[in-house]
Amino acid sequence: MSERPGSPPQRLTLGESHRRIVSALLRGFEDMAAEISRWVDPPAGVLVSVEDRLNRRERQEVQALLARLEEELRRLAREINLDVAGRSAARSIEALVVEHLSLLQETAGGELRGYGEMDDKTRVRLAAEFARLQEIFESLLHVVRREAPRG
């Protein structure tokens, strides 16, 4: 797109289908940037240990590039005139928990179908452990499904 100096920038005009896919792509890029940001200085985890970390210079470079990416995404969203997707924290949490609760319920009896036999004692113990996790998941759902006003 060639623009004359001093003239206002021309907006990029997309049809509705193209706007939707570009919007989805940009949201995916934004999610990717958030995930990368988490890895720049990852917290200690329970089930994952970080074997290597970025040095200070690398962290600064990655953070600068992420800031640049965020600005480019913001600029492009304005240029294409994309609507900012409104997301509900409660609904997003609920979707994540429901997805993982259904995975957990697939193994409700300690059954891990397709992975070979498991002795009864281990299966019963695993089922009890999964039941504890399921209780927490269901409590999370109870909290985010409350009808109380949010603020």
Protein backbone atom coordinates (compact mmCIF):
# COMPACT_ATOMS: atom_id res chain seq x y z
CA MET A 1 0.00 0.00 0.00
CA SER A 2 1.71 3.23 -1.06
CA GLU A 3 0.74 6.28 0.91
CA ARG A 4 1.61 9.86 0.15
CA PRO A 5 3.53 11.72 2.85
CA GLY A 6 1.15 13.74 4.99
CA SER A 7 -1.91 11.75 3.93
CA PRO A 8 -3.83 9.79 6.56
CA PRO A 9 -3.03 6.07 6.55
CA GLN A 10 -5.51 3.94 4.65
CA ARG A 11 -7.32 1.28 6.61
CA LEU A 12 -7.00 -2.29 5.49
CA THR A 13 -10.47 -3.38 4.38
CA LEU A 14 -11.36 -7.05 4.77
CA GLY A 15 -14.57 -8.92 4.20
CA GLU A 16 -16.31 -10.40 7.24
CA SER A 17 -14.92 -13.93 6.76
CA HIS A 18 -11.39 -12.61 6.37
CA ARG A 19 -11.82 -10.32 9.38
CA ARG A 20 -12.85 -13.30 11.50
CA ILE A 21 -9.88 -15.46 10.53
CA VAL A 22 -7.40 -12.60 10.89
CA SER A 23 -8.92 -11.78 14.27
CA ALA A 24 -8.56 -15.41 15.36
CA LEU A 25 -4.96 -15.47 14.14
CA LEU A 26 -4.08 -12.29 16.01
CA ARG A 27 -5.70 -13.59 19.22
CA GLY A 28 -3.64 -16.76 18.79
CA PHE A 29 -0.51 -14.65 18.42
CA GLU A 30 -1.45 -12.72 21.55
CA ASP A 31 -1.95 -16.00 23.45
CA MET A 32 1.42 -17.21 22.15
CA ALA A 33 3.08 -14.04 23.42
CA ALA A 34 1.50 -14.52 26.86
CA GLU A 35 2.79 -18.10 26.97
CA ILE A 36 6.28 -17.00 25.90
CA SER A 37 6.18 -14.31 28.57
CA ARG A 38 5.46 -16.98 31.19
CA TRP A 39 8.58 -18.85 30.04
CA VAL A 40 10.87 -15.81 30.16
CA ASP A 41 11.12 -16.19 33.92
CA PRO A 42 9.14 -19.33 34.72
CA PRO A 43 7.99 -19.95 38.26
CA ALA A 44 8.85 -23.20 39.99
CA GLY A 45 6.20 -25.77 39.27
CA VAL A 46 4.95 -28.85 41.05
CA LEU A 47 5.10 -31.18 38.06
CA VAL A 48 7.53 -29.38 35.79
CA SER A 49 11.04 -28.30 36.58
CA VAL A 50 12.80 -25.82 34.35
CA GLU A 51 16.10 -27.25 33.18
CA ASP A 52 17.51 -24.05 31.82
CA ARG A 53 16.65 -20.41 32.05
CA LEU A 54 17.32 -17.49 29.80
CA ASN A 55 20.17 -15.26 30.86
CA ARG A 56 19.49 -11.60 31.65
CA ARG A 57 20.37 -10.34 28.15
CA GLU A 58 18.18 -12.99 26.51
CA ARG A 59 15.27 -12.17 28.86
CA GLN A 60 15.57 -8.48 28.00
CA GLU A 61 15.69 -9.20 24.26
CA VAL A 62 12.67 -11.50 24.42
CA GLN A 63 10.72 -8.99 26.51
CA ALA A 64 11.57 -6.20 24.05
CA LEU A 65 10.42 -8.37 21.13
CA LEU A 66 7.22 -9.28 22.96
CA ALA A 67 6.54 -5.58 23.57
CA ARG A 68 7.14 -4.93 19.87
CA LEU A 69 4.80 -7.80 18.95
CA GLU A 70 2.10 -6.45 21.27
CA GLU A 71 2.38 -2.99 19.70
CA GLU A 72 2.22 -4.47 16.18
CA LEU A 73 -0.86 -6.51 17.10
CA ARG A 74 -2.49 -3.40 18.58
CA ARG A 75 -1.61 -1.36 15.47
CA LEU A 76 -2.86 -4.04 13.09
CA ALA A 77 -6.10 -4.48 15.04
CA ARG A 78 -6.71 -0.72 14.70
CA GLU A 79 -5.77 -0.73 11.01
CA ILE A 80 -8.17 -3.56 10.24
CA ASN A 81 -10.70 -2.10 12.65
CA LEU A 82 -11.07 -5.33 14.60
CA ASP A 83 -13.33 -5.47 17.59
CA VAL A 84 -11.65 -6.38 20.84
CA ALA A 85 -13.00 -9.75 21.91
CA GLY A 86 -14.60 -9.52 25.30
CA ARG A 87 -13.73 -12.47 27.47
CA SER A 88 -15.34 -13.43 30.70
CA ALA A 89 -12.88 -14.65 33.33
CA ALA A 90 -15.57 -16.83 34.89
CA ARG A 91 -16.57 -18.42 31.57
CA SER A 92 -12.93 -18.93 30.56
CA ILE A 93 -12.13 -20.62 33.88
CA GLU A 94 -15.29 -22.70 33.61
CA ALA A 95 -14.35 -23.87 30.09
CA LEU A 96 -10.86 -24.91 31.23
CA VAL A 97 -12.14 -26.73 34.28
CA VAL A 98 -14.97 -28.48 32.41
CA GLU A 99 -12.50 -29.67 29.75
CA HIS A 100 -10.13 -31.12 32.33
CA LEU A 101 -12.92 -32.43 34.54
CA SER A 102 -14.23 -34.46 31.61
CA LEU A 103 -10.74 -35.88 31.06
CA LEU A 104 -10.53 -36.76 34.73
CA GLN A 105 -13.98 -38.36 34.67
CA GLU A 106 -12.85 -40.57 31.80
CA THR A 107 -10.62 -42.24 34.39
CA ALA A 108 -13.17 -42.12 37.24
CA GLY A 109 -12.58 -45.69 38.39
CA GLY A 110 -8.84 -45.44 38.06
CA GLU A 111 -9.16 -46.98 34.62
CA LEU A 112 -6.55 -45.95 32.12
CA ARG A 113 -7.96 -47.77 29.12
CA GLY A 114 -5.44 -48.69 26.49
CA TYR A 115 -2.43 -48.51 28.78
CA GLY A 116 -2.38 -52.07 30.04
CA GLU A 117 -3.56 -53.79 33.18
CA MET A 118 -3.23 -52.23 36.60
CA ASP A 119 -3.40 -54.17 39.85
CA ASP A 120 -6.56 -53.62 41.93
CA LYS A 121 -4.81 -51.92 44.85
CA THR A 122 -3.14 -49.37 42.57
CA ARG A 123 -6.35 -48.79 40.60
CA VAL A 124 -8.35 -48.16 43.80
CA ARG A 125 -5.70 -45.79 45.15
CA LEU A 126 -5.48 -43.91 41.86
CA ALA A 127 -9.27 -43.61 41.75
CA ALA A 128 -9.23 -42.11 45.26
CA GLU A 129 -6.52 -39.64 44.28
CA PHE A 130 -8.44 -38.62 41.15
CA ALA A 131 -11.60 -38.22 43.26
CA ARG A 132 -9.74 -35.65 45.38
CA LEU A 133 -8.81 -33.73 42.25
CA GLN A 134 -12.37 -33.98 40.96
CA GLU A 135 -13.65 -32.46 44.22
CA ILE A 136 -11.37 -29.45 43.72
CA PHE A 137 -12.42 -29.09 40.07
CA GLU A 138 -16.09 -29.19 41.05
CA SER A 139 -15.48 -26.58 43.76
CA LEU A 140 -13.82 -24.35 41.16
CA LEU A 141 -16.91 -24.72 38.97
CA HIS A 142 -19.16 -23.86 41.90
CA VAL A 143 -17.21 -20.64 42.51
CA VAL A 144 -17.22 -19.43 38.90
CA ARG A 145 -20.86 -20.39 38.31
CA ARG A 146 -22.18 -18.27 41.18
CA GLU A 147 -24.69 -15.68 40.13
CA ALA A 148 -23.21 -13.00 42.41
CA PRO A 149 -22.24 -9.73 40.71
CA ARG A 150 -18.65 -9.57 39.56
CA GLY A 151 -16.41 -6.60 39.83
